Amino acid sequence: MSGETALNSDHKLMMQLTWAGAIPLVVALVFAWMQKSALPTTAFVSYSAVILAFMAGSFWGQVLLNASIKRSYWPVIIYCAGVALLIWAALMLIFSGSLAWSLVLLFIGHGINYFVEKRGLGDKQQSWYRVLRMRLSVIVCALHFILLLRLAG
């Protein structure tokens, strides 16, 4: 069985796990909306950072496994290291009391990560994954924006 076939047979599970992975962001947003405590927002930011790191690592892995991409891996390695630094900066901002700036950095990170992956792999990914990735990225960025509005209001 090829990797393509295995991925197709498992895509429902991958989709379910992907959507389940968004639940902690939604729960943290709801709690942040209901209370003035910084804890739900900190939980949102920290989980968002974990998801962004996971997605950047996923992109790196997809590039390395895709034999049809004939290019140097240096740009991908540098990009992923840059994402790690952006995540680190966002987490450090929590300690300075700048949760809003943490959210802004992660919002930007999730958006850029989607477009870099789309440009870097695009048609090399299965169509169901591209659609899932786009929808999830829009939702994750929207959740960040909503939480920013909550912090501003």
N, C-alpha and C. Protein backbone atom coordinates (compact mmCIF):
# COMPACT_ATOMS: atom_id res chain seq x y z
N MET A 1 0.85 -1.18 0.00
CA MET A 1 0.00 0.00 0.00
C MET A 1 0.89 1.23 0.00
N SER A 2 0.63 2.17 -0.89
CA SER A 2 1.45 3.38 -0.97
C SER A 2 1.05 4.36 0.12
N GLY A 3 1.92 5.36 0.35
CA GLY A 3 1.62 6.39 1.34
C GLY A 3 0.36 7.16 0.99
N GLU A 4 0.15 7.37 -0.31
CA GLU A 4 -1.04 8.07 -0.78
C GLU A 4 -2.30 7.30 -0.41
N THR A 5 -2.29 5.98 -0.62
CA THR A 5 -3.45 5.15 -0.30
C THR A 5 -3.69 5.11 1.20
N ALA A 6 -2.63 4.96 1.97
CA ALA A 6 -2.77 4.92 3.43
C ALA A 6 -3.35 6.23 3.94
N LEU A 7 -2.89 7.34 3.38
CA LEU A 7 -3.39 8.64 3.81
C LEU A 7 -4.88 8.76 3.49
N ASN A 8 -5.28 8.32 2.30
CA ASN A 8 -6.68 8.39 1.93
C ASN A 8 -7.55 7.55 2.85
N SER A 9 -7.09 6.37 3.23
CA SER A 9 -7.90 5.50 4.09
C SER A 9 -7.99 6.04 5.51
N ASP A 10 -7.07 6.88 5.92
CA ASP A 10 -7.06 7.42 7.28
C ASP A 10 -7.51 8.87 7.36
N HIS A 11 -7.93 9.44 6.24
CA HIS A 11 -8.19 10.88 6.27
C HIS A 11 -9.35 11.28 7.17
N LYS A 12 -10.34 10.42 7.36
CA LYS A 12 -11.44 10.76 8.27
C LYS A 12 -10.94 10.91 9.71
N LEU A 13 -10.08 10.00 10.13
CA LEU A 13 -9.50 10.11 11.47
C LEU A 13 -8.66 11.37 11.58
N MET A 14 -7.88 11.67 10.55
CA MET A 14 -7.05 12.88 10.58
C MET A 14 -7.93 14.13 10.67
N MET A 15 -9.04 14.13 9.95
CA MET A 15 -9.95 15.28 10.00
C MET A 15 -10.58 15.41 11.39
N GLN A 16 -10.99 14.29 11.97
CA GLN A 16 -11.59 14.33 13.30
C GLN A 16 -10.60 14.84 14.34
N LEU A 17 -9.37 14.36 14.27
CA LEU A 17 -8.34 14.80 15.21
C LEU A 17 -8.02 16.28 15.01
N THR A 18 -8.02 16.72 13.77
CA THR A 18 -7.75 18.13 13.47
C THR A 18 -8.82 19.01 14.10
N TRP A 19 -10.08 18.68 13.88
CA TRP A 19 -11.15 19.50 14.45
C TRP A 19 -11.17 19.40 15.96
N ALA A 20 -10.89 18.22 16.50
CA ALA A 20 -10.82 18.06 17.96
C ALA A 20 -9.70 18.94 18.53
N GLY A 21 -8.64 19.11 17.76
CA GLY A 21 -7.53 19.94 18.20
C GLY A 21 -7.88 21.40 18.34
N ALA A 22 -8.95 21.83 17.69
CA ALA A 22 -9.39 23.23 17.80
C ALA A 22 -10.25 23.46 19.04
N ILE A 23 -10.75 22.41 19.64
CA ILE A 23 -11.66 22.54 20.80
C ILE A 23 -11.03 23.32 21.95
N PRO A 24 -9.78 23.05 22.35
CA PRO A 24 -9.21 23.84 23.45
C PRO A 24 -9.17 25.35 23.17
N LEU A 25 -8.98 25.75 21.93
CA LEU A 25 -9.00 27.18 21.60
C LEU A 25 -10.40 27.75 21.82
N VAL A 26 -11.41 27.02 21.37
CA VAL A 26 -12.79 27.49 21.53
C VAL A 26 -13.16 27.57 23.01
N VAL A 27 -12.81 26.55 23.77
CA VAL A 27 -13.12 26.52 25.21
C VAL A 27 -12.42 27.68 25.92
N ALA A 28 -11.15 27.88 25.62
CA ALA A 28 -10.40 28.98 26.25
C ALA A 28 -11.01 30.33 25.88
N LEU A 29 -11.44 30.48 24.62
CA LEU A 29 -12.07 31.73 24.19
C LEU A 29 -13.38 31.97 24.95
N VAL A 30 -14.18 30.93 25.10
CA VAL A 30 -15.44 31.08 25.84
C VAL A 30 -15.17 31.51 27.27
N PHE A 31 -14.22 30.87 27.93
CA PHE A 31 -13.90 31.24 29.32
C PHE A 31 -13.30 32.65 29.39
N ALA A 32 -12.49 33.01 28.41
CA ALA A 32 -11.92 34.36 28.38
C ALA A 32 -13.02 35.40 28.19
N TRP A 33 -14.03 35.06 27.45
CA TRP A 33 -15.13 35.99 27.21
C TRP A 33 -15.98 36.16 28.47
N MET A 34 -16.08 35.09 29.27
CA MET A 34 -16.94 35.11 30.45
C MET A 34 -16.28 35.71 31.69
N GLN A 35 -14.97 35.69 31.77
CA GLN A 35 -14.31 36.18 32.98
C GLN A 35 -13.18 37.15 32.65
N LYS A 36 -12.84 37.93 33.64
CA LYS A 36 -11.79 38.94 33.47
C LYS A 36 -10.39 38.39 33.76
N SER A 37 -10.31 37.19 34.26
CA SER A 37 -9.03 36.58 34.61
C SER A 37 -8.15 36.40 33.37
N ALA A 38 -6.84 36.52 33.58
CA ALA A 38 -5.89 36.32 32.47
C ALA A 38 -5.66 34.84 32.16
N LEU A 39 -6.08 33.96 33.05
CA LEU A 39 -5.81 32.53 32.88
C LEU A 39 -6.37 31.95 31.57
N PRO A 40 -7.64 32.19 31.22
CA PRO A 40 -8.14 31.62 29.96
C PRO A 40 -7.39 32.15 28.72
N THR A 41 -7.04 33.43 28.76
CA THR A 41 -6.30 34.00 27.64
C THR A 41 -4.90 33.42 27.57
N THR A 42 -4.28 33.23 28.72
CA THR A 42 -2.96 32.59 28.76
C THR A 42 -3.05 31.16 28.24
N ALA A 43 -4.11 30.46 28.61
CA ALA A 43 -4.31 29.09 28.11
C ALA A 43 -4.48 29.11 26.59
N PHE A 44 -5.24 30.06 26.08
CA PHE A 44 -5.45 30.19 24.64
C PHE A 44 -4.12 30.43 23.94
N VAL A 45 -3.35 31.39 24.44
CA VAL A 45 -2.07 31.75 23.83
C VAL A 45 -1.11 30.56 23.85
N SER A 46 -1.01 29.89 24.99
CA SER A 46 -0.06 28.79 25.08
C SER A 46 -0.47 27.63 24.18
N TYR A 47 -1.76 27.33 24.10
CA TYR A 47 -2.20 26.24 23.21
C TYR A 47 -2.03 26.64 21.75
N SER A 48 -2.31 27.88 21.43
CA SER A 48 -2.11 28.37 20.07
C SER A 48 -0.64 28.22 19.66
N ALA A 49 0.27 28.51 20.58
CA ALA A 49 1.70 28.36 20.31
C ALA A 49 2.05 26.90 20.03
N VAL A 50 1.47 26.00 20.80
CA VAL A 50 1.72 24.57 20.59
C VAL A 50 1.22 24.15 19.20
N ILE A 51 0.02 24.59 18.83
CA ILE A 51 -0.55 24.23 17.53
C ILE A 51 0.28 24.82 16.39
N LEU A 52 0.73 26.06 16.53
CA LEU A 52 1.56 26.67 15.49
C LEU A 52 2.87 25.91 15.33
N ALA A 53 3.48 25.51 16.43
CA ALA A 53 4.71 24.73 16.36
C ALA A 53 4.46 23.39 15.68
N PHE A 54 3.35 22.75 16.02
CA PHE A 54 2.99 21.48 15.41
C PHE A 54 2.80 21.63 13.90
N MET A 55 2.11 22.69 13.50
CA MET A 55 1.85 22.89 12.07
C MET A 55 3.13 23.22 11.30
N ALA A 56 4.02 23.98 11.89
CA ALA A 56 5.30 24.27 11.23
C ALA A 56 6.12 22.99 11.10
N GLY A 57 6.10 22.16 12.13
CA GLY A 57 6.79 20.87 12.06
C GLY A 57 6.16 19.96 11.03
N SER A 58 4.85 20.01 10.92
CA SER A 58 4.14 19.21 9.92
C SER A 58 4.55 19.64 8.51
N PHE A 59 4.66 20.95 8.30
CA PHE A 59 5.10 21.46 7.00
C PHE A 59 6.50 20.95 6.67
N TRP A 60 7.40 21.05 7.62
CA TRP A 60 8.77 20.59 7.44
C TRP A 60 8.76 19.10 7.05
N GLY A 61 7.99 18.31 7.78
CA GLY A 61 7.91 16.89 7.50
C GLY A 61 7.35 16.59 6.12
N GLN A 62 6.31 17.34 5.73
CA GLN A 62 5.73 17.13 4.41
C GLN A 62 6.73 17.45 3.30
N VAL A 63 7.51 18.50 3.49
CA VAL A 63 8.51 18.86 2.48
C VAL A 63 9.57 17.77 2.39
N LEU A 64 10.04 17.29 3.52
CA LEU A 64 11.08 16.27 3.53
C LEU A 64 10.60 14.95 2.92
N LEU A 65 9.33 14.63 3.12
CA LEU A 65 8.80 13.37 2.61
C LEU A 65 8.35 13.43 1.16
N ASN A 66 8.19 14.63 0.63
CA ASN A 66 7.70 14.77 -0.74
C ASN A 66 8.87 14.73 -1.70
N ALA A 67 9.09 13.59 -2.31
CA ALA A 67 10.24 13.38 -3.18
C ALA A 67 10.17 14.20 -4.46
N SER A 68 8.99 14.70 -4.80
CA SER A 68 8.86 15.44 -6.06
C SER A 68 9.31 16.89 -5.93
N ILE A 69 9.61 17.34 -4.73
CA ILE A 69 10.08 18.72 -4.55
C ILE A 69 11.60 18.72 -4.73
N LYS A 70 12.04 19.34 -5.80
CA LYS A 70 13.47 19.37 -6.13
C LYS A 70 14.03 20.75 -5.77
N ARG A 71 14.35 20.91 -4.50
CA ARG A 71 14.94 22.17 -4.08
C ARG A 71 15.70 21.96 -2.78
N SER A 72 16.43 22.97 -2.43
CA SER A 72 17.18 22.93 -1.18
C SER A 72 16.21 23.00 0.00
N TYR A 73 16.57 22.32 1.06
CA TYR A 73 15.75 22.34 2.27
C TYR A 73 16.05 23.54 3.16
N TRP A 74 17.12 24.29 2.86
CA TRP A 74 17.51 25.40 3.72
C TRP A 74 16.40 26.42 3.96
N PRO A 75 15.66 26.84 2.91
CA PRO A 75 14.59 27.81 3.19
C PRO A 75 13.54 27.28 4.16
N VAL A 76 13.23 26.00 4.05
CA VAL A 76 12.24 25.41 4.95
C VAL A 76 12.78 25.35 6.37
N ILE A 77 14.04 24.95 6.51
CA ILE A 77 14.66 24.88 7.83
C ILE A 77 14.72 26.27 8.46
N ILE A 78 15.12 27.26 7.69
CA ILE A 78 15.19 28.63 8.20
C ILE A 78 13.80 29.15 8.56
N TYR A 79 12.82 28.87 7.70
CA TYR A 79 11.46 29.29 7.98
C TYR A 79 10.95 28.68 9.30
N CYS A 80 11.12 27.38 9.45
CA CYS A 80 10.64 26.70 10.66
C CYS A 80 11.36 27.21 11.91
N ALA A 81 12.65 27.52 11.78
CA ALA A 81 13.37 28.11 12.91
C ALA A 81 12.80 29.49 13.23
N GLY A 82 12.44 30.24 12.20
CA GLY A 82 11.81 31.55 12.40
C GLY A 82 10.47 31.43 13.11
N VAL A 83 9.70 30.42 12.75
CA VAL A 83 8.42 30.20 13.44
C VAL A 83 8.66 29.89 14.91
N ALA A 84 9.66 29.07 15.19
CA ALA A 84 10.00 28.75 16.58
C ALA A 84 10.35 30.02 17.36
N LEU A 85 11.10 30.93 16.74
CA LEU A 85 11.47 32.19 17.40
C LEU A 85 10.25 33.08 17.60
N LEU A 86 9.35 33.10 16.62
CA LEU A 86 8.13 33.89 16.76
C LEU A 86 7.29 33.34 17.92
N ILE A 87 7.18 32.04 18.02
CA ILE A 87 6.44 31.42 19.12
C ILE A 87 7.08 31.76 20.46
N TRP A 88 8.40 31.66 20.51
CA TRP A 88 9.12 31.99 21.74
C TRP A 88 8.85 33.44 22.15
N ALA A 89 8.91 34.36 21.18
CA ALA A 89 8.64 35.77 21.47
C ALA A 89 7.22 35.95 21.99
N ALA A 90 6.26 35.26 21.37
CA ALA A 90 4.86 35.36 21.81
C ALA A 90 4.71 34.87 23.24
N LEU A 91 5.39 33.79 23.57
CA LEU A 91 5.31 33.27 24.94
C LEU A 91 6.01 34.18 25.93
N MET A 92 7.11 34.79 25.53
CA MET A 92 7.82 35.71 26.42
C MET A 92 6.97 36.96 26.70
N LEU A 93 6.17 37.36 25.74
CA LEU A 93 5.30 38.52 25.94
C LEU A 93 4.27 38.28 27.03
N ILE A 94 3.91 37.02 27.25
CA ILE A 94 2.98 36.71 28.34
C ILE A 94 3.56 37.19 29.67
N PHE A 95 4.86 36.95 29.87
CA PHE A 95 5.50 37.31 31.14
C PHE A 95 5.62 38.81 31.33
N SER A 96 5.55 39.56 30.24
CA SER A 96 5.60 41.02 30.38
C SER A 96 4.19 41.60 30.48
N GLY A 97 3.19 40.73 30.50
CA GLY A 97 1.82 41.19 30.62
C GLY A 97 1.20 41.64 29.31
N SER A 98 1.80 41.27 28.21
CA SER A 98 1.32 41.70 26.89
C SER A 98 0.61 40.56 26.17
N LEU A 99 -0.49 40.11 26.76
CA LEU A 99 -1.24 39.02 26.13
C LEU A 99 -1.76 39.40 24.75
N ALA A 100 -2.16 40.65 24.59
CA ALA A 100 -2.67 41.09 23.29
C ALA A 100 -1.58 40.98 22.22
N TRP A 101 -0.36 41.39 22.55
CA TRP A 101 0.73 41.28 21.56
C TRP A 101 1.09 39.82 21.29
N SER A 102 0.95 38.98 22.29
CA SER A 102 1.16 37.55 22.08
C SER A 102 0.15 37.03 21.06
N LEU A 103 -1.10 37.44 21.24
CA LEU A 103 -2.15 37.03 20.30
C LEU A 103 -1.89 37.54 18.89
N VAL A 104 -1.43 38.79 18.79
CA VAL A 104 -1.12 39.36 17.48
C VAL A 104 -0.03 38.56 16.78
N LEU A 105 1.05 38.26 17.51
CA LEU A 105 2.13 37.48 16.91
C LEU A 105 1.66 36.11 16.46
N LEU A 106 0.86 35.44 17.28
CA LEU A 106 0.39 34.11 16.92
C LEU A 106 -0.61 34.17 15.76
N PHE A 107 -1.45 35.19 15.74
CA PHE A 107 -2.37 35.41 14.62
C PHE A 107 -1.57 35.51 13.31
N ILE A 108 -0.55 36.34 13.34
CA ILE A 108 0.32 36.51 12.16
C ILE A 108 1.01 35.19 11.82
N GLY A 109 1.51 34.50 12.84
CA GLY A 109 2.19 33.23 12.62
C GLY A 109 1.31 32.19 11.97
N HIS A 110 0.08 32.05 12.46
CA HIS A 110 -0.84 31.07 11.86
C HIS A 110 -1.18 31.44 10.42
N GLY A 111 -1.39 32.72 10.17
CA GLY A 111 -1.70 33.15 8.80
C GLY A 111 -0.54 32.91 7.85
N ILE A 112 0.64 33.33 8.25
CA ILE A 112 1.82 33.14 7.40
C ILE A 112 2.09 31.66 7.20
N ASN A 113 1.95 30.87 8.25
CA ASN A 113 2.22 29.43 8.14
C ASN A 113 1.31 28.78 7.10
N TYR A 114 0.04 29.18 7.09
CA TYR A 114 -0.89 28.63 6.10
C TYR A 114 -0.43 28.98 4.68
N PHE A 115 -0.10 30.26 4.45
CA PHE A 115 0.27 30.68 3.10
C PHE A 115 1.61 30.10 2.67
N VAL A 116 2.55 29.96 3.58
CA VAL A 116 3.84 29.35 3.23
C VAL A 116 3.63 27.88 2.86
N GLU A 117 2.81 27.19 3.64
CA GLU A 117 2.54 25.78 3.32
C GLU A 117 1.81 25.66 1.99
N LYS A 118 0.84 26.52 1.77
CA LYS A 118 0.08 26.49 0.51
C LYS A 118 1.00 26.74 -0.68
N ARG A 119 1.87 27.73 -0.56
CA ARG A 119 2.79 28.05 -1.65
C ARG A 119 3.85 26.97 -1.82
N GLY A 120 4.33 26.44 -0.71
CA GLY A 120 5.40 25.47 -0.78
C GLY A 120 4.98 24.08 -1.21
N LEU A 121 3.74 23.71 -0.89
CA LEU A 121 3.30 22.35 -1.20
C LEU A 121 2.08 22.30 -2.11
N GLY A 122 1.18 23.25 -1.94
CA GLY A 122 -0.01 23.38 -2.76
C GLY A 122 -0.56 22.12 -3.39
N ASP A 123 -0.30 21.94 -4.68
CA ASP A 123 -0.86 20.82 -5.42
C ASP A 123 -0.23 19.48 -5.06
N LYS A 124 0.79 19.48 -4.23
CA LYS A 124 1.42 18.22 -3.81
C LYS A 124 0.66 17.59 -2.64
N GLN A 125 -0.26 18.36 -2.05
CA GLN A 125 -1.09 17.85 -0.96
C GLN A 125 -2.41 17.35 -1.54
N GLN A 126 -3.03 16.44 -0.83
CA GLN A 126 -4.33 15.94 -1.26
C GLN A 126 -5.37 17.04 -1.11
N SER A 127 -6.35 17.04 -1.99
CA SER A 127 -7.33 18.12 -2.01
C SER A 127 -8.11 18.22 -0.70
N TRP A 128 -8.48 17.10 -0.10
CA TRP A 128 -9.23 17.15 1.15
C TRP A 128 -8.41 17.82 2.25
N TYR A 129 -7.08 17.61 2.23
CA TYR A 129 -6.22 18.23 3.23
C TYR A 129 -6.11 19.73 2.99
N ARG A 130 -5.98 20.13 1.73
CA ARG A 130 -5.88 21.57 1.43
C ARG A 130 -7.13 22.30 1.91
N VAL A 131 -8.31 21.71 1.67
CA VAL A 131 -9.57 22.33 2.10
C VAL A 131 -9.63 22.38 3.63
N LEU A 132 -9.31 21.28 4.29
CA LEU A 132 -9.29 21.22 5.74
C LEU A 132 -8.35 22.26 6.32
N ARG A 133 -7.16 22.35 5.75
CA ARG A 133 -6.12 23.27 6.24
C ARG A 133 -6.58 24.72 6.10
N MET A 134 -7.20 25.04 4.96
CA MET A 134 -7.68 26.41 4.73
C MET A 134 -8.79 26.76 5.72
N ARG A 135 -9.76 25.87 5.86
CA ARG A 135 -10.88 26.14 6.78
C ARG A 135 -10.40 26.30 8.22
N LEU A 136 -9.54 25.39 8.63
CA LEU A 136 -9.04 25.46 10.00
C LEU A 136 -8.22 26.73 10.24
N SER A 137 -7.41 27.10 9.27
CA SER A 137 -6.60 28.32 9.41
C SER A 137 -7.48 29.56 9.54
N VAL A 138 -8.54 29.63 8.75
CA VAL A 138 -9.46 30.76 8.84
C VAL A 138 -10.12 30.79 10.22
N ILE A 139 -10.55 29.65 10.71
CA ILE A 139 -11.20 29.58 12.02
C ILE A 139 -10.22 29.95 13.13
N VAL A 140 -9.02 29.42 13.08
CA VAL A 140 -8.02 29.72 14.12
C VAL A 140 -7.70 31.21 14.13
N CYS A 141 -7.51 31.79 12.97
CA CYS A 141 -7.23 33.24 12.91
C CYS A 141 -8.43 34.04 13.40
N ALA A 142 -9.64 33.61 13.06
CA ALA A 142 -10.85 34.30 13.53
C ALA A 142 -10.95 34.23 15.05
N LEU A 143 -10.63 33.07 15.63
CA LEU A 143 -10.67 32.95 17.09
C LEU A 143 -9.67 33.91 17.74
N HIS A 144 -8.50 34.06 17.14
CA HIS A 144 -7.51 35.02 17.66
C HIS A 144 -8.06 36.44 17.59
N PHE A 145 -8.68 36.76 16.47
CA PHE A 145 -9.22 38.10 16.28
C PHE A 145 -10.34 38.39 17.29
N ILE A 146 -11.21 37.42 17.51
CA ILE A 146 -12.30 37.58 18.47
C ILE A 146 -11.75 37.81 19.88
N LEU A 147 -10.73 37.06 20.24
CA LEU A 147 -10.13 37.23 21.57
C LEU A 147 -9.43 38.59 21.67
N LEU A 148 -8.85 39.05 20.59
CA LEU A 148 -8.25 40.41 20.59
C LEU A 148 -9.33 41.46 20.83
N LEU A 149 -10.50 41.28 20.19
CA LEU A 149 -11.61 42.20 20.41
C LEU A 149 -12.05 42.18 21.87
N ARG A 150 -12.07 41.00 22.46
CA ARG A 150 -12.46 40.87 23.87
C ARG A 150 -11.48 41.61 24.77
N LEU A 151 -10.19 41.47 24.47
CA LEU A 151 -9.18 42.14 25.28
C LEU A 151 -9.25 43.66 25.12
N ALA A 152 -9.64 44.11 23.94
CA ALA A 152 -9.74 45.55 23.68
C ALA A 152 -10.99 46.15 24.32
N GLY A 153 -12.01 45.31 24.53
CA GLY A 153 -13.30 45.84 25.03
C GLY A 153 -13.52 45.62 26.43
